[in-house]
Amino acid sequence: MCSGLRDAINLSWKFDLVLSGKAEDSLLDTYTTERCQHLQHAIEKSVGLGRVICEPDPAAAAERDARMIADQQAGRVPQGAAPQPVPMAGLAEHSDA
């Protein structure tokens, strides 16, 4: 759902600029470049979390839980943080501000 909201936000300001005549239609072509890396990251993380959360072996689940609690208490940051957002291409050059 979060990716869907980000997609809608990414497209909405572009549609606004294109439909108001402030930007060329080609601005819409930047959508895939800007969102692809983030969407791929979200899919990979969702699959990975599914593997962690859906542990069928009670002993392995208990080991996982203990490891996660220890990491949290030690202040360790999970690996694979989200990629940095891509700047909204064309926004600055078409802004009224």
C-alpha atoms as a PDB file:
ATOM      1  CA  MET A   1       0.000   0.000   0.000  1.00  0.00           C
ATOM      2  CA  CYS A   2       2.837   2.411   0.791  1.00  0.00           C
ATOM      3  CA  SER A   3       4.349   1.828  -2.636  1.00  0.00           C
ATOM      4  CA  GLY A   4       0.967   2.541  -4.196  1.00  0.00           C
ATOM      5  CA  LEU A   5       0.729   5.839  -2.337  1.00  0.00           C
ATOM      6  CA  ARG A   6       4.250   6.781  -3.385  1.00  0.00           C
ATOM      7  CA  ASP A   7       3.420   5.899  -6.972  1.00  0.00           C
ATOM      8  CA  ALA A   8       0.301   8.080  -6.845  1.00  0.00           C
ATOM      9  CA  ILE A   9       2.244  10.999  -5.391  1.00  0.00           C
ATOM     10  CA  ASN A  10       5.006  10.592  -7.980  1.00  0.00           C
ATOM     11  CA  LEU A  11       2.508  10.639 -10.822  1.00  0.00           C
ATOM     12  CA  SER A  12       0.122  13.271  -9.472  1.00  0.00           C
ATOM     13  CA  TRP A  13       2.536  16.214  -9.516  1.00  0.00           C
ATOM     14  CA  LYS A  14       3.731  15.140 -12.959  1.00  0.00           C
ATOM     15  CA  PHE A  15       0.192  14.946 -14.325  1.00  0.00           C
ATOM     16  CA  ASP A  16      -0.505  18.366 -12.850  1.00  0.00           C
ATOM     17  CA  LEU A  17       2.487  19.919 -14.623  1.00  0.00           C
ATOM     18  CA  VAL A  18       1.800  18.160 -17.924  1.00  0.00           C
ATOM     19  CA  LEU A  19      -1.938  18.863 -17.965  1.00  0.00           C
ATOM     20  CA  SER A  20      -1.414  22.515 -17.016  1.00  0.00           C
ATOM     21  CA  GLY A  21       1.064  22.905 -19.881  1.00  0.00           C
ATOM     22  CA  LYS A  22       4.034  23.607 -17.592  1.00  0.00           C
ATOM     23  CA  ALA A  23       5.909  20.445 -18.631  1.00  0.00           C
ATOM     24  CA  GLU A  24       6.246  18.232 -21.680  1.00  0.00           C
ATOM     25  CA  ASP A  25       4.604  14.809 -21.838  1.00  0.00           C
ATOM     26  CA  SER A  26       8.095  13.290 -21.591  1.00  0.00           C
ATOM     27  CA  LEU A  27       8.106  14.155 -17.863  1.00  0.00           C
ATOM     28  CA  LEU A  28       5.829  11.135 -17.390  1.00  0.00           C
ATOM     29  CA  ASP A  29       8.588   8.906 -18.800  1.00  0.00           C
ATOM     30  CA  THR A  30      10.664   9.534 -15.659  1.00  0.00           C
ATOM     31  CA  TYR A  31       8.205   7.572 -13.496  1.00  0.00           C
ATOM     32  CA  THR A  32       9.750   4.147 -14.122  1.00  0.00           C
ATOM     33  CA  THR A  33      13.299   5.364 -13.557  1.00  0.00           C
ATOM     34  CA  GLU A  34      12.373   7.055 -10.302  1.00  0.00           C
ATOM     35  CA  ARG A  35      10.158   4.345  -8.827  1.00  0.00           C
ATOM     36  CA  CYS A  36      11.696   1.087 -10.089  1.00  0.00           C
ATOM     37  CA  GLN A  37      14.499   0.841  -7.514  1.00  0.00           C
ATOM     38  CA  HIS A  38      12.139   1.611  -4.639  1.00  0.00           C
ATOM     39  CA  LEU A  39       9.521  -0.863  -5.787  1.00  0.00           C
ATOM     40  CA  GLN A  40      12.125  -3.608  -6.250  1.00  0.00           C
ATOM     41  CA  HIS A  41      13.458  -2.879  -2.744  1.00  0.00           C
ATOM     42  CA  ALA A  42       9.943  -3.078  -1.272  1.00  0.00           C
ATOM     43  CA  ILE A  43       9.255  -6.407  -2.994  1.00  0.00           C
ATOM     44  CA  GLU A  44      12.560  -7.925  -1.852  1.00  0.00           C
ATOM     45  CA  LYS A  45      12.016  -6.746   1.732  1.00  0.00           C
ATOM     46  CA  SER A  46       8.434  -8.051   1.767  1.00  0.00           C
ATOM     47  CA  VAL A  47       9.565 -11.478   0.581  1.00  0.00           C
ATOM     48  CA  GLY A  48      12.413 -11.481   3.110  1.00  0.00           C
ATOM     49  CA  LEU A  49      10.123 -10.450   5.966  1.00  0.00           C
ATOM     50  CA  GLY A  50       7.679 -13.139   4.932  1.00  0.00           C
ATOM     51  CA  ARG A  51      10.429 -15.718   5.302  1.00  0.00           C
ATOM     52  CA  VAL A  52      11.274 -14.379   8.782  1.00  0.00           C
ATOM     53  CA  ILE A  53       7.708 -14.008  10.008  1.00  0.00           C
ATOM     54  CA  CYS A  54       6.397 -17.296   8.619  1.00  0.00           C
ATOM     55  CA  GLU A  55       8.873 -19.562  10.397  1.00  0.00           C
ATOM     56  CA  PRO A  56       7.011 -22.890  10.910  1.00  0.00           C
ATOM     57  CA  ASP A  57       9.597 -24.461  13.248  1.00  0.00           C
ATOM     58  CA  PRO A  58       8.909 -23.370  16.872  1.00  0.00           C
ATOM     59  CA  ALA A  59      12.554 -23.771  17.897  1.00  0.00           C
ATOM     60  CA  ALA A  60      13.803 -21.739  14.941  1.00  0.00           C
ATOM     61  CA  ALA A  61      11.144 -19.085  15.654  1.00  0.00           C
ATOM     62  CA  ALA A  62      12.249 -18.856  19.300  1.00  0.00           C
ATOM     63  CA  GLU A  63      15.884 -18.490  18.182  1.00  0.00           C
ATOM     64  CA  ARG A  64      14.852 -15.776  15.703  1.00  0.00           C
ATOM     65  CA  ASP A  65      12.909 -13.910  18.389  1.00  0.00           C
ATOM     66  CA  ALA A  66      15.819 -14.037  20.840  1.00  0.00           C
ATOM     67  CA  ARG A  67      18.233 -12.777  18.179  1.00  0.00           C
ATOM     68  CA  MET A  68      15.919  -9.909  17.215  1.00  0.00           C
ATOM     69  CA  ILE A  69      15.404  -8.877  20.845  1.00  0.00           C
ATOM     70  CA  ALA A  70      19.168  -8.944  21.456  1.00  0.00           C
ATOM     71  CA  ASP A  71      19.790  -6.834  18.338  1.00  0.00           C
ATOM     72  CA  GLN A  72      17.170  -4.316  19.412  1.00  0.00           C
ATOM     73  CA  GLN A  73      18.563  -4.079  22.940  1.00  0.00           C
ATOM     74  CA  ALA A  74      22.084  -3.617  21.557  1.00  0.00           C
ATOM     75  CA  GLY A  75      20.877  -0.845  19.248  1.00  0.00           C
ATOM     76  CA  ARG A  76      21.900  -2.671  16.094  1.00  0.00           C
ATOM     77  CA  VAL A  77      20.270  -1.388  12.909  1.00  0.00           C
ATOM     78  CA  PRO A  78      18.736  -3.922  10.527  1.00  0.00           C
ATOM     79  CA  GLN A  79      20.631  -4.470   7.292  1.00  0.00           C
ATOM     80  CA  GLY A  80      19.212  -3.265   3.978  1.00  0.00           C
ATOM     81  CA  ALA A  81      17.812   0.159   4.759  1.00  0.00           C
ATOM     82  CA  ALA A  82      15.614   1.691   2.077  1.00  0.00           C
ATOM     83  CA  PRO A  83      17.345   3.426  -0.829  1.00  0.00           C
ATOM     84  CA  GLN A  84      17.449   7.215  -0.843  1.00  0.00           C
ATOM     85  CA  PRO A  85      14.557   8.890  -2.670  1.00  0.00           C
ATOM     86  CA  VAL A  86      15.198  10.029  -6.222  1.00  0.00           C
ATOM     87  CA  PRO A  87      14.640  13.802  -6.621  1.00  0.00           C
ATOM     88  CA  MET A  88      11.438  14.669  -8.416  1.00  0.00           C
ATOM     89  CA  ALA A  89      12.849  15.311 -11.883  1.00  0.00           C
ATOM     90  CA  GLY A  90      11.661  18.508 -13.453  1.00  0.00           C
ATOM     91  CA  LEU A  91       9.895  19.856 -10.371  1.00  0.00           C
ATOM     92  CA  ALA A  92      12.389  22.624  -9.604  1.00  0.00           C
ATOM     93  CA  GLU A  93      12.539  23.846 -13.168  1.00  0.00           C
ATOM     94  CA  HIS A  94       8.734  23.948 -13.415  1.00  0.00           C
ATOM     95  CA  SER A  95       7.965  25.274  -9.945  1.00  0.00           C
ATOM     96  CA  ASP A  96       6.161  28.580  -9.471  1.00  0.00           C
ATOM     97  CA  ALA A  97       8.004  29.099  -6.160  1.00  0.00           C
END
